[in-house]
Amino acid sequence: MDPPAPETMMRALEELYYLKCLDEDGNLTELGRLVSLYPLDPMLAVMLVKSCELKCAPEMLTIVSMLSVPNVFVRPGKDKKRADDVKSIFTHPDGDHLTLLNVYHGFKSDEAYEAGVKKWCFEHYLNHRSIQAADNIRNQLERMMERHNLDLSSNDFESPIYFENIKRALAQGFFMQAAKKKSNSKGFLTVKDNQQVLIHPSSVLSKEIEWVIYNEFVLTTQNYIRTVTGIKPEWLFEYAPAYFNLDHFMPGDVKMSLERIKERLDVYAKLDKKREEAKMISNSSEELKKEKKEKKEKKVKKSKK
C-alpha cells in the first residue's frame, strides 16, 4: 500500500486542527484523545462528543449511526410517487438529518414492533437491513460513551431548544461543509471555495433557508449537496472561529455575507462587554455602600457603649 500524498496528509491534519482535535503544535487535545477512541470519521465523532454538552447525545447517537449505513430510503422505479408520499410521514422541515431521526424513532416505535419491523419497513419503503445495521452501530457507540462516562441525557422534547441543540451539534462537526443560498439565482455556494451546487432532489428541506450544512458532495451531471440541514450562520463563528478567519476567504457573495454577520456579532459582543462592565461597577458601588453602612453601624454601637 502506498503512503498518502503529503498534500493529503496536510489537509487531514488541518481538518483535525479546525475540529479542535489537534493544537497548534500538532498534539492531540483532550477532545482529540476522546474522538480518537471512536471508530468514526472525525467530523461524526466530534458531533457525538460535543452533543453531550448540548444534552442531545441520544439523538446524535441515532443520527451518526444512520449516516454510517447505506441509504435507508427505498424508491422503487414503478412506485416512486407512493414512496415519496410515505417518506413525507417522517419529514422534518429543517432537513434530512432530523428526518433520519424521525425514521429511527418510527423503527423503534410500538407500531413497528406490533406489526413486525420487517413488514413495517416494507410498508414504509425503508431498507430494513440498513436501519438494523444503524441500530447495531448505535448500541455499540452508546456502550462506548457509557464507558467514558459521557452525559447521555436529553433535553425535553417540548423544549424550544430540543431541535436547535441537535442542529448546533451538527454544525460543530459539519462547519467545513456549509453552503449559502445564492443571492439572485437558484442554488447554493459552498462556503470555502464558492462552488455552485444544488440541493439533491432527494432532500426534504422545505423551508427557504439561507445557510445549510451537508453530509455529502455528489457530482453527477451537476454538483449536488445531499443530506442537508438548515443552520444559523452565527454558529459557524461560534464553533469554528479559526476556520472562519475571513482573511483566508475568496472574495464573493459568501465572504460579503459572512463579513456582515461578523460585524453584527462584534457589535453584540461590545454591547455585552459594556453591560458586564456596568454591572461590575454597579455591584462594586453596592458593596461600597454596604461596607460604609456597616462601619457606620459599628460606630453607633460603640458610641452607645
C-alpha atoms as a PDB file:
ATOM      1  CA  MET A   1       0.000   0.000   0.000  1.00  0.00           C
ATOM      2  CA  ASP A   2       1.375   3.403  -0.994  1.00  0.00           C
ATOM      3  CA  PRO A   3       1.652   6.107   1.679  1.00  0.00           C
ATOM      4  CA  PRO A   4      -0.731   9.064   1.318  1.00  0.00           C
ATOM      5  CA  ALA A   5       0.490  12.076  -0.626  1.00  0.00           C
ATOM      6  CA  PRO A   6       1.944  14.897   1.526  1.00  0.00           C
ATOM      7  CA  GLU A   7      -0.884  17.202   0.408  1.00  0.00           C
ATOM      8  CA  THR A   8      -3.460  14.674   1.629  1.00  0.00           C
ATOM      9  CA  MET A   9      -1.700  14.383   4.988  1.00  0.00           C
ATOM     10  CA  MET A  10      -1.579  18.160   5.380  1.00  0.00           C
ATOM     11  CA  ARG A  11      -5.292  18.500   4.586  1.00  0.00           C
ATOM     12  CA  ALA A  12      -6.139  15.803   7.133  1.00  0.00           C
ATOM     13  CA  LEU A  13      -4.037  17.477   9.842  1.00  0.00           C
ATOM     14  CA  GLU A  14      -5.555  20.852   9.002  1.00  0.00           C
ATOM     15  CA  GLU A  15      -9.056  19.394   9.293  1.00  0.00           C
ATOM     16  CA  LEU A  16      -8.235  17.909  12.716  1.00  0.00           C
ATOM     17  CA  TYR A  17      -6.885  21.285  13.838  1.00  0.00           C
ATOM     18  CA  TYR A  18     -10.067  23.086  12.787  1.00  0.00           C
ATOM     19  CA  LEU A  19     -12.110  20.411  14.581  1.00  0.00           C
ATOM     20  CA  LYS A  20     -10.042  21.255  17.710  1.00  0.00           C
ATOM     21  CA  CYS A  21      -8.654  17.714  17.863  1.00  0.00           C
ATOM     22  CA  LEU A  22      -5.069  18.991  17.413  1.00  0.00           C
ATOM     23  CA  ASP A  23      -3.435  22.058  18.932  1.00  0.00           C
ATOM     24  CA  GLU A  24      -1.142  24.473  17.063  1.00  0.00           C
ATOM     25  CA  ASP A  25       1.854  22.188  17.696  1.00  0.00           C
ATOM     26  CA  GLY A  26       0.079  19.172  16.219  1.00  0.00           C
ATOM     27  CA  ASN A  27      -0.506  17.477  19.582  1.00  0.00           C
ATOM     28  CA  LEU A  28      -3.765  15.753  20.451  1.00  0.00           C
ATOM     29  CA  THR A  29      -6.111  17.888  22.527  1.00  0.00           C
ATOM     30  CA  GLU A  30      -8.386  16.456  25.207  1.00  0.00           C
ATOM     31  CA  LEU A  31     -11.187  16.427  22.618  1.00  0.00           C
ATOM     32  CA  GLY A  32      -8.864  14.766  20.101  1.00  0.00           C
ATOM     33  CA  ARG A  33      -7.955  11.974  22.523  1.00  0.00           C
ATOM     34  CA  LEU A  34     -11.625  11.264  23.157  1.00  0.00           C
ATOM     35  CA  VAL A  35     -12.540  11.434  19.462  1.00  0.00           C
ATOM     36  CA  SER A  36      -9.724   9.009  18.576  1.00  0.00           C
ATOM     37  CA  LEU A  37     -11.418   6.287  20.643  1.00  0.00           C
ATOM     38  CA  TYR A  38     -14.432   6.122  18.322  1.00  0.00           C
ATOM     39  CA  PRO A  39     -14.434   4.164  15.025  1.00  0.00           C
ATOM     40  CA  LEU A  40     -15.914   7.110  13.148  1.00  0.00           C
ATOM     41  CA  ASP A  41     -14.985   9.870  10.743  1.00  0.00           C
ATOM     42  CA  PRO A  42     -13.584  12.705  12.932  1.00  0.00           C
ATOM     43  CA  MET A  43     -16.461  15.029  11.976  1.00  0.00           C
ATOM     44  CA  LEU A  44     -19.028  12.497  13.192  1.00  0.00           C
ATOM     45  CA  ALA A  45     -17.050  11.711  16.348  1.00  0.00           C
ATOM     46  CA  VAL A  46     -16.763  15.421  17.233  1.00  0.00           C
ATOM     47  CA  MET A  47     -20.528  15.861  16.800  1.00  0.00           C
ATOM     48  CA  LEU A  48     -21.131  12.883  19.055  1.00  0.00           C
ATOM     49  CA  VAL A  49     -18.818  14.060  21.849  1.00  0.00           C
ATOM     50  CA  LYS A  50     -19.970  17.690  21.676  1.00  0.00           C
ATOM     51  CA  SER A  51     -23.642  16.676  21.770  1.00  0.00           C
ATOM     52  CA  CYS A  52     -23.182  15.744  25.439  1.00  0.00           C
ATOM     53  CA  GLU A  53     -22.670  19.422  26.325  1.00  0.00           C
ATOM     54  CA  LEU A  54     -25.897  20.285  24.491  1.00  0.00           C
ATOM     55  CA  LYS A  55     -27.892  17.452  26.077  1.00  0.00           C
ATOM     56  CA  CYS A  56     -28.756  15.789  22.778  1.00  0.00           C
ATOM     57  CA  ALA A  57     -26.412  12.783  22.852  1.00  0.00           C
ATOM     58  CA  PRO A  58     -29.197  10.162  22.379  1.00  0.00           C
ATOM     59  CA  GLU A  59     -30.409  11.987  19.271  1.00  0.00           C
ATOM     60  CA  MET A  60     -26.894  12.432  17.900  1.00  0.00           C
ATOM     61  CA  LEU A  61     -26.143   8.751  18.508  1.00  0.00           C
ATOM     62  CA  THR A  62     -29.075   7.974  16.226  1.00  0.00           C
ATOM     63  CA  ILE A  63     -28.149  10.478  13.508  1.00  0.00           C
ATOM     64  CA  VAL A  64     -24.476   9.452  13.422  1.00  0.00           C
ATOM     65  CA  SER A  65     -25.476   5.786  13.199  1.00  0.00           C
ATOM     66  CA  MET A  66     -27.980   6.453  10.405  1.00  0.00           C
ATOM     67  CA  LEU A  67     -25.281   8.353   8.481  1.00  0.00           C
ATOM     68  CA  SER A  68     -22.934   5.372   8.841  1.00  0.00           C
ATOM     69  CA  VAL A  69     -25.058   2.935   6.809  1.00  0.00           C
ATOM     70  CA  PRO A  70     -26.321   2.813   3.193  1.00  0.00           C
ATOM     71  CA  ASN A  71     -29.369   4.893   2.277  1.00  0.00           C
ATOM     72  CA  VAL A  72     -32.355   3.806   4.370  1.00  0.00           C
ATOM     73  CA  PHE A  73     -34.974   5.010   1.874  1.00  0.00           C
ATOM     74  CA  VAL A  74     -36.244   2.701  -0.865  1.00  0.00           C
ATOM     75  CA  ARG A  75     -37.704   4.258  -4.028  1.00  0.00           C
ATOM     76  CA  PRO A  76     -38.814   1.556  -6.490  1.00  0.00           C
ATOM     77  CA  GLY A  77     -38.967   2.630 -10.126  1.00  0.00           C
ATOM     78  CA  LYS A  78     -42.637   1.710 -10.511  1.00  0.00           C
ATOM     79  CA  ASP A  79     -43.720   3.118  -7.162  1.00  0.00           C
ATOM     80  CA  LYS A  80     -41.805   6.393  -6.748  1.00  0.00           C
ATOM     81  CA  LYS A  81     -44.867   8.538  -6.046  1.00  0.00           C
ATOM     82  CA  ARG A  82     -46.114   6.227  -3.305  1.00  0.00           C
ATOM     83  CA  ALA A  83     -42.616   6.014  -1.767  1.00  0.00           C
ATOM     84  CA  ASP A  84     -42.335   9.823  -1.725  1.00  0.00           C
ATOM     85  CA  ASP A  85     -45.766  10.153  -0.111  1.00  0.00           C
ATOM     86  CA  VAL A  86     -44.840   7.695   2.640  1.00  0.00           C
ATOM     87  CA  LYS A  87     -41.486   9.416   3.193  1.00  0.00           C
ATOM     88  CA  SER A  88     -43.373  12.639   3.963  1.00  0.00           C
ATOM     89  CA  ILE A  89     -44.633  10.959   7.167  1.00  0.00           C
ATOM     90  CA  PHE A  90     -41.108  11.249   8.569  1.00  0.00           C
ATOM     91  CA  THR A  91     -40.162  14.583   7.009  1.00  0.00           C
ATOM     92  CA  HIS A  92     -38.847  17.343   9.262  1.00  0.00           C
ATOM     93  CA  PRO A  93     -38.952  20.815   7.651  1.00  0.00           C
ATOM     94  CA  ASP A  94     -35.462  21.713   8.924  1.00  0.00           C
ATOM     95  CA  GLY A  95     -33.847  18.997   6.843  1.00  0.00           C
ATOM     96  CA  ASP A  96     -32.633  15.478   6.283  1.00  0.00           C
ATOM     97  CA  HIS A  97     -30.698  14.768   9.488  1.00  0.00           C
ATOM     98  CA  LEU A  98     -33.783  15.344  11.633  1.00  0.00           C
ATOM     99  CA  THR A  99     -35.809  13.297   9.151  1.00  0.00           C
ATOM    100  CA  LEU A 100     -33.419  10.373   9.714  1.00  0.00           C
ATOM    101  CA  LEU A 101     -34.008  10.809  13.444  1.00  0.00           C
ATOM    102  CA  ASN A 102     -37.771  10.549  12.862  1.00  0.00           C
ATOM    103  CA  VAL A 103     -37.297   7.386  10.779  1.00  0.00           C
ATOM    104  CA  TYR A 104     -35.358   5.695  13.571  1.00  0.00           C
ATOM    105  CA  HIS A 105     -37.960   6.695  16.157  1.00  0.00           C
ATOM    106  CA  GLY A 106     -40.581   5.122  13.897  1.00  0.00           C
ATOM    107  CA  PHE A 107     -38.487   1.954  13.586  1.00  0.00           C
ATOM    108  CA  LYS A 108     -38.310   1.671  17.401  1.00  0.00           C
ATOM    109  CA  SER A 109     -41.996   2.508  17.934  1.00  0.00           C
ATOM    110  CA  ASP A 110     -44.656   0.203  19.357  1.00  0.00           C
ATOM    111  CA  GLU A 111     -46.426   0.350  15.996  1.00  0.00           C
ATOM    112  CA  ALA A 112     -43.396  -1.127  14.202  1.00  0.00           C
ATOM    113  CA  TYR A 113     -42.883  -3.741  16.921  1.00  0.00           C
ATOM    114  CA  GLU A 114     -46.507  -4.881  16.812  1.00  0.00           C
ATOM    115  CA  ALA A 115     -46.564  -5.041  13.002  1.00  0.00           C
ATOM    116  CA  GLY A 116     -43.142  -6.692  12.833  1.00  0.00           C
ATOM    117  CA  VAL A 117     -40.198  -4.452  11.952  1.00  0.00           C
ATOM    118  CA  LYS A 118     -39.515  -6.099   8.578  1.00  0.00           C
ATOM    119  CA  LYS A 119     -43.126  -5.705   7.498  1.00  0.00           C
ATOM    120  CA  TRP A 120     -43.233  -2.145   8.866  1.00  0.00           C
ATOM    121  CA  CYS A 121     -40.092  -1.221   6.902  1.00  0.00           C
ATOM    122  CA  PHE A 122     -41.500  -2.771   3.725  1.00  0.00           C
ATOM    123  CA  GLU A 123     -44.763  -0.832   4.082  1.00  0.00           C
ATOM    124  CA  HIS A 124     -42.861   2.419   4.707  1.00  0.00           C
ATOM    125  CA  TYR A 125     -40.376   1.954   1.839  1.00  0.00           C
ATOM    126  CA  LEU A 126     -37.411   1.634   4.177  1.00  0.00           C
ATOM    127  CA  ASN A 127     -34.388  -0.639   3.917  1.00  0.00           C
ATOM    128  CA  HIS A 128     -34.696  -2.920   6.946  1.00  0.00           C
ATOM    129  CA  ARG A 129     -31.115  -4.157   6.672  1.00  0.00           C
ATOM    130  CA  SER A 130     -29.701  -0.605   6.719  1.00  0.00           C
ATOM    131  CA  ILE A 131     -31.792   0.515   9.697  1.00  0.00           C
ATOM    132  CA  GLN A 132     -30.998  -2.670  11.615  1.00  0.00           C
ATOM    133  CA  ALA A 133     -27.292  -2.058  10.958  1.00  0.00           C
ATOM    134  CA  ALA A 134     -27.706   1.527  12.219  1.00  0.00           C
ATOM    135  CA  ASP A 135     -29.392   0.192  15.362  1.00  0.00           C
ATOM    136  CA  ASN A 136     -26.444  -2.158  15.980  1.00  0.00           C
ATOM    137  CA  ILE A 137     -23.929   0.670  15.455  1.00  0.00           C
ATOM    138  CA  ARG A 138     -25.904   2.895  17.799  1.00  0.00           C
ATOM    139  CA  ASN A 139     -25.860   0.265  20.554  1.00  0.00           C
ATOM    140  CA  GLN A 140     -22.097  -0.147  20.169  1.00  0.00           C
ATOM    141  CA  LEU A 141     -21.435   3.613  20.287  1.00  0.00           C
ATOM    142  CA  GLU A 142     -23.762   4.053  23.256  1.00  0.00           C
ATOM    143  CA  ARG A 143     -21.835   1.429  25.240  1.00  0.00           C
ATOM    144  CA  MET A 144     -18.577   3.214  24.403  1.00  0.00           C
ATOM    145  CA  MET A 145     -19.962   6.550  25.595  1.00  0.00           C
ATOM    146  CA  GLU A 146     -21.154   4.959  28.833  1.00  0.00           C
ATOM    147  CA  ARG A 147     -17.667   3.524  29.427  1.00  0.00           C
ATOM    148  CA  HIS A 148     -16.221   7.015  29.006  1.00  0.00           C
ATOM    149  CA  ASN A 149     -18.777   8.439  31.475  1.00  0.00           C
ATOM    150  CA  LEU A 150     -20.223  10.870  28.945  1.00  0.00           C
ATOM    151  CA  ASP A 151     -23.545  12.580  29.647  1.00  0.00           C
ATOM    152  CA  LEU A 152     -26.293  10.755  27.746  1.00  0.00           C
ATOM    153  CA  SER A 153     -29.168  12.890  28.998  1.00  0.00           C
ATOM    154  CA  SER A 154     -31.533  14.616  26.589  1.00  0.00           C
ATOM    155  CA  ASN A 155     -33.487  17.865  26.524  1.00  0.00           C
ATOM    156  CA  ASP A 156     -37.233  17.581  26.941  1.00  0.00           C
ATOM    157  CA  PHE A 157     -38.888  17.043  23.561  1.00  0.00           C
ATOM    158  CA  GLU A 158     -41.205  20.010  24.206  1.00  0.00           C
ATOM    159  CA  SER A 159     -38.278  22.319  24.982  1.00  0.00           C
ATOM    160  CA  PRO A 160     -37.747  25.159  22.460  1.00  0.00           C
ATOM    161  CA  ILE A 161     -34.056  24.201  22.282  1.00  0.00           C
ATOM    162  CA  TYR A 162     -34.650  20.490  21.576  1.00  0.00           C
ATOM    163  CA  PHE A 163     -34.177  20.665  17.794  1.00  0.00           C
ATOM    164  CA  GLU A 164     -31.933  23.740  17.893  1.00  0.00           C
ATOM    165  CA  ASN A 165     -29.339  21.961  20.025  1.00  0.00           C
ATOM    166  CA  ILE A 166     -29.311  18.976  17.675  1.00  0.00           C
ATOM    167  CA  LYS A 167     -28.592  21.353  14.787  1.00  0.00           C
ATOM    168  CA  ARG A 168     -25.908  23.084  16.868  1.00  0.00           C
ATOM    169  CA  ALA A 169     -24.214  19.721  17.421  1.00  0.00           C
ATOM    170  CA  LEU A 170     -24.376  19.016  13.677  1.00  0.00           C
ATOM    171  CA  ALA A 171     -22.785  22.401  12.965  1.00  0.00           C
ATOM    172  CA  GLN A 172     -19.850  21.584  15.262  1.00  0.00           C
ATOM    173  CA  GLY A 173     -18.905  18.680  13.017  1.00  0.00           C
ATOM    174  CA  PHE A 174     -20.025  19.805   9.561  1.00  0.00           C
ATOM    175  CA  PHE A 175     -18.996  23.503   9.600  1.00  0.00           C
ATOM    176  CA  MET A 176     -16.443  22.781   6.848  1.00  0.00           C
ATOM    177  CA  GLN A 177     -19.350  21.521   4.746  1.00  0.00           C
ATOM    178  CA  ALA A 178     -21.532  24.615   4.825  1.00  0.00           C
ATOM    179  CA  ALA A 179     -23.235  26.380   1.943  1.00  0.00           C
ATOM    180  CA  LYS A 180     -25.097  29.656   1.431  1.00  0.00           C
ATOM    181  CA  LYS A 181     -28.092  30.287  -0.792  1.00  0.00           C
ATOM    182  CA  LYS A 182     -27.169  32.365  -3.849  1.00  0.00           C
ATOM    183  CA  SER A 183     -28.497  35.919  -3.715  1.00  0.00           C
ATOM    184  CA  ASN A 184     -30.042  36.314  -7.144  1.00  0.00           C
ATOM    185  CA  SER A 185     -30.462  32.836  -8.550  1.00  0.00           C
ATOM    186  CA  LYS A 186     -31.272  29.219  -7.836  1.00  0.00           C
ATOM    187  CA  GLY A 187     -28.854  27.074  -5.881  1.00  0.00           C
ATOM    188  CA  PHE A 188     -26.166  27.471  -3.230  1.00  0.00           C
ATOM    189  CA  LEU A 189     -22.476  28.325  -2.961  1.00  0.00           C
ATOM    190  CA  THR A 190     -20.160  26.208  -0.825  1.00  0.00           C
ATOM    191  CA  VAL A 191     -18.665  28.403   1.873  1.00  0.00           C
ATOM    192  CA  LYS A 192     -14.930  27.912   1.440  1.00  0.00           C
ATOM    193  CA  ASP A 193     -14.454  27.573  -2.321  1.00  0.00           C
ATOM    194  CA  ASN A 194     -17.594  29.203  -3.791  1.00  0.00           C
ATOM    195  CA  GLN A 195     -18.614  26.133  -5.806  1.00  0.00           C
ATOM    196  CA  GLN A 196     -22.113  26.369  -7.252  1.00  0.00           C
ATOM    197  CA  VAL A 197     -24.280  23.486  -6.055  1.00  0.00           C
ATOM    198  CA  LEU A 198     -27.904  22.400  -5.933  1.00  0.00           C
ATOM    199  CA  ILE A 199     -29.629  20.597  -3.096  1.00  0.00           C
ATOM    200  CA  HIS A 200     -30.121  16.976  -4.124  1.00  0.00           C
ATOM    201  CA  PRO A 201     -33.695  16.140  -5.253  1.00  0.00           C
ATOM    202  CA  SER A 202     -33.937  13.505  -2.506  1.00  0.00           C
ATOM    203  CA  SER A 203     -33.651  16.182   0.204  1.00  0.00           C
ATOM    204  CA  VAL A 204     -36.730  17.017   2.264  1.00  0.00           C
ATOM    205  CA  LEU A 205     -35.580  20.543   3.177  1.00  0.00           C
ATOM    206  CA  SER A 206     -38.739  22.547   2.576  1.00  0.00           C
ATOM    207  CA  LYS A 207     -38.024  25.903   4.173  1.00  0.00           C
ATOM    208  CA  GLU A 208     -36.445  28.841   2.386  1.00  0.00           C
ATOM    209  CA  ILE A 209     -33.254  28.562   4.410  1.00  0.00           C
ATOM    210  CA  GLU A 210     -30.217  30.686   3.558  1.00  0.00           C
ATOM    211  CA  TRP A 211     -27.485  28.628   5.266  1.00  0.00           C
ATOM    212  CA  VAL A 212     -27.108  24.845   5.393  1.00  0.00           C
ATOM    213  CA  ILE A 213     -24.640  22.139   6.339  1.00  0.00           C
ATOM    214  CA  TYR A 214     -24.445  18.973   4.262  1.00  0.00           C
ATOM    215  CA  ASN A 215     -23.182  15.427   4.619  1.00  0.00           C
ATOM    216  CA  GLU A 216     -22.152  14.658   1.031  1.00  0.00           C
ATOM    217  CA  PHE A 217     -20.987  16.418  -2.110  1.00  0.00           C
ATOM    218  CA  VAL A 218     -22.319  14.470  -5.110  1.00  0.00           C
ATOM    219  CA  LEU A 219     -21.039  15.052  -8.639  1.00  0.00           C
ATOM    220  CA  THR A 220     -23.288  13.736 -11.430  1.00  0.00           C
ATOM    221  CA  THR A 221     -24.439  15.855 -14.362  1.00  0.00           C
ATOM    222  CA  GLN A 222     -24.499  18.705 -11.819  1.00  0.00           C
ATOM    223  CA  ASN A 223     -22.956  19.450  -8.426  1.00  0.00           C
ATOM    224  CA  TYR A 224     -25.297  18.387  -5.629  1.00  0.00           C
ATOM    225  CA  ILE A 225     -25.152  18.506  -1.842  1.00  0.00           C
ATOM    226  CA  ARG A 226     -27.021  15.672  -0.141  1.00  0.00           C
ATOM    227  CA  THR A 227     -28.349  15.113   3.394  1.00  0.00           C
ATOM    228  CA  VAL A 228     -28.819  18.772   4.224  1.00  0.00           C
ATOM    229  CA  THR A 229     -29.970  20.703   7.312  1.00  0.00           C
ATOM    230  CA  GLY A 230     -30.578  24.413   7.842  1.00  0.00           C
ATOM    231  CA  ILE A 231     -28.438  26.258  10.410  1.00  0.00           C
ATOM    232  CA  LYS A 232     -27.836  29.764  11.758  1.00  0.00           C
ATOM    233  CA  PRO A 233     -24.639  31.266  10.279  1.00  0.00           C
ATOM    234  CA  GLU A 234     -23.686  32.760  13.657  1.00  0.00           C
ATOM    235  CA  TRP A 235     -22.918  29.222  14.830  1.00  0.00           C
ATOM    236  CA  LEU A 236     -20.086  28.974  12.283  1.00  0.00           C
ATOM    237  CA  PHE A 237     -18.165  31.758  14.032  1.00  0.00           C
ATOM    238  CA  GLU A 238     -19.115  30.460  17.474  1.00  0.00           C
ATOM    239  CA  TYR A 239     -17.849  26.921  16.913  1.00  0.00           C
ATOM    240  CA  ALA A 240     -15.083  27.372  14.324  1.00  0.00           C
ATOM    241  CA  PRO A 241     -13.503  30.843  14.604  1.00  0.00           C
ATOM    242  CA  ALA A 242     -10.144  29.612  13.256  1.00  0.00           C
ATOM    243  CA  TYR A 243     -11.721  28.115  10.135  1.00  0.00           C
ATOM    244  CA  PHE A 244     -13.859  31.206   9.555  1.00  0.00           C
ATOM    245  CA  ASN A 245     -10.949  33.631   9.512  1.00  0.00           C
ATOM    246  CA  LEU A 246     -12.291  35.743   6.664  1.00  0.00           C
ATOM    247  CA  ASP A 247      -8.811  36.881   5.597  1.00  0.00           C
ATOM    248  CA  HIS A 248      -8.443  33.424   4.024  1.00  0.00           C
ATOM    249  CA  PHE A 249     -11.726  33.511   2.087  1.00  0.00           C
ATOM    250  CA  MET A 250     -12.046  34.257  -1.607  1.00  0.00           C
ATOM    251  CA  PRO A 251     -13.875  37.492  -2.496  1.00  0.00           C
ATOM    252  CA  GLY A 252     -17.509  36.977  -3.385  1.00  0.00           C
ATOM    253  CA  ASP A 253     -21.078  36.703  -2.158  1.00  0.00           C
ATOM    254  CA  VAL A 254     -20.259  34.249   0.646  1.00  0.00           C
ATOM    255  CA  LYS A 255     -17.442  36.359   2.086  1.00  0.00           C
ATOM    256  CA  MET A 256     -19.558  39.531   1.960  1.00  0.00           C
ATOM    257  CA  SER A 257     -22.405  37.814   3.820  1.00  0.00           C
ATOM    258  CA  LEU A 258     -20.038  36.400   6.436  1.00  0.00           C
ATOM    259  CA  GLU A 259     -18.423  39.821   6.912  1.00  0.00           C
ATOM    260  CA  ARG A 260     -21.832  41.362   7.631  1.00  0.00           C
ATOM    261  CA  ILE A 261     -22.601  38.604  10.138  1.00  0.00           C
ATOM    262  CA  LYS A 262     -19.192  39.031  11.802  1.00  0.00           C
ATOM    263  CA  GLU A 263     -19.694  42.800  12.099  1.00  0.00           C
ATOM    264  CA  ARG A 264     -23.071  42.229  13.747  1.00  0.00           C
ATOM    265  CA  LEU A 265     -21.586  39.699  16.172  1.00  0.00           C
ATOM    266  CA  ASP A 266     -18.767  42.122  17.046  1.00  0.00           C
ATOM    267  CA  VAL A 267     -21.322  44.847  17.840  1.00  0.00           C
ATOM    268  CA  TYR A 268     -23.262  42.438  20.076  1.00  0.00           C
ATOM    269  CA  ALA A 269     -20.022  41.405  21.808  1.00  0.00           C
ATOM    270  CA  LYS A 270     -19.125  45.054  22.532  1.00  0.00           C
ATOM    271  CA  LEU A 271     -22.598  45.724  23.927  1.00  0.00           C
ATOM    272  CA  ASP A 272     -22.366  42.626  26.132  1.00  0.00           C
ATOM    273  CA  LYS A 273     -18.956  43.767  27.381  1.00  0.00           C
ATOM    274  CA  LYS A 274     -20.300  47.230  28.236  1.00  0.00           C
ATOM    275  CA  ARG A 275     -23.270  45.710  30.061  1.00  0.00           C
ATOM    276  CA  GLU A 276     -20.927  43.437  32.011  1.00  0.00           C
ATOM    277  CA  GLU A 277     -18.675  46.364  32.929  1.00  0.00           C
ATOM    278  CA  ALA A 278     -21.680  48.432  34.018  1.00  0.00           C
ATOM    279  CA  LYS A 279     -22.898  45.517  36.127  1.00  0.00           C
ATOM    280  CA  MET A 280     -19.481  45.164  37.792  1.00  0.00           C
ATOM    281  CA  ILE A 281     -19.374  48.908  38.557  1.00  0.00           C
ATOM    282  CA  SER A 282     -22.896  48.732  39.962  1.00  0.00           C
ATOM    283  CA  ASN A 283     -22.006  45.720  42.131  1.00  0.00           C
ATOM    284  CA  SER A 284     -18.840  47.445  43.370  1.00  0.00           C
ATOM    285  CA  SER A 285     -20.843  50.549  44.215  1.00  0.00           C
ATOM    286  CA  GLU A 286     -23.399  48.490  46.139  1.00  0.00           C
ATOM    287  CA  GLU A 287     -20.655  46.680  48.046  1.00  0.00           C
ATOM    288  CA  LEU A 288     -19.015  50.015  48.915  1.00  0.00           C
ATOM    289  CA  LYS A 289     -22.324  51.399  50.191  1.00  0.00           C
ATOM    290  CA  LYS A 290     -22.885  48.257  52.233  1.00  0.00           C
ATOM    291  CA  GLU A 291     -19.394  48.484  53.694  1.00  0.00           C
ATOM    292  CA  LYS A 292     -19.884  52.154  54.668  1.00  0.00           C
ATOM    293  CA  LYS A 293     -23.234  51.329  56.239  1.00  0.00           C
ATOM    294  CA  GLU A 294     -21.702  48.517  58.307  1.00  0.00           C
ATOM    295  CA  LYS A 295     -18.882  50.824  59.507  1.00  0.00           C
ATOM    296  CA  LYS A 296     -21.401  53.495  60.457  1.00  0.00           C
ATOM    297  CA  GLU A 297     -23.490  50.993  62.416  1.00  0.00           C
ATOM    298  CA  LYS A 298     -20.385  49.798  64.282  1.00  0.00           C
ATOM    299  CA  LYS A 299     -19.536  53.397  65.253  1.00  0.00           C
ATOM    300  CA  VAL A 300     -23.075  53.949  66.540  1.00  0.00           C
ATOM    301  CA  LYS A 301     -22.878  50.791  68.653  1.00  0.00           C
ATOM    302  CA  LYS A 302     -19.512  51.857  70.135  1.00  0.00           C
ATOM    303  CA  SER A 303     -20.797  55.343  70.997  1.00  0.00           C
ATOM    304  CA  LYS A 304     -23.798  53.826  72.807  1.00  0.00           C
ATOM    305  CA  LYS A 305     -21.473  51.707  74.927  1.00  0.00           C
END
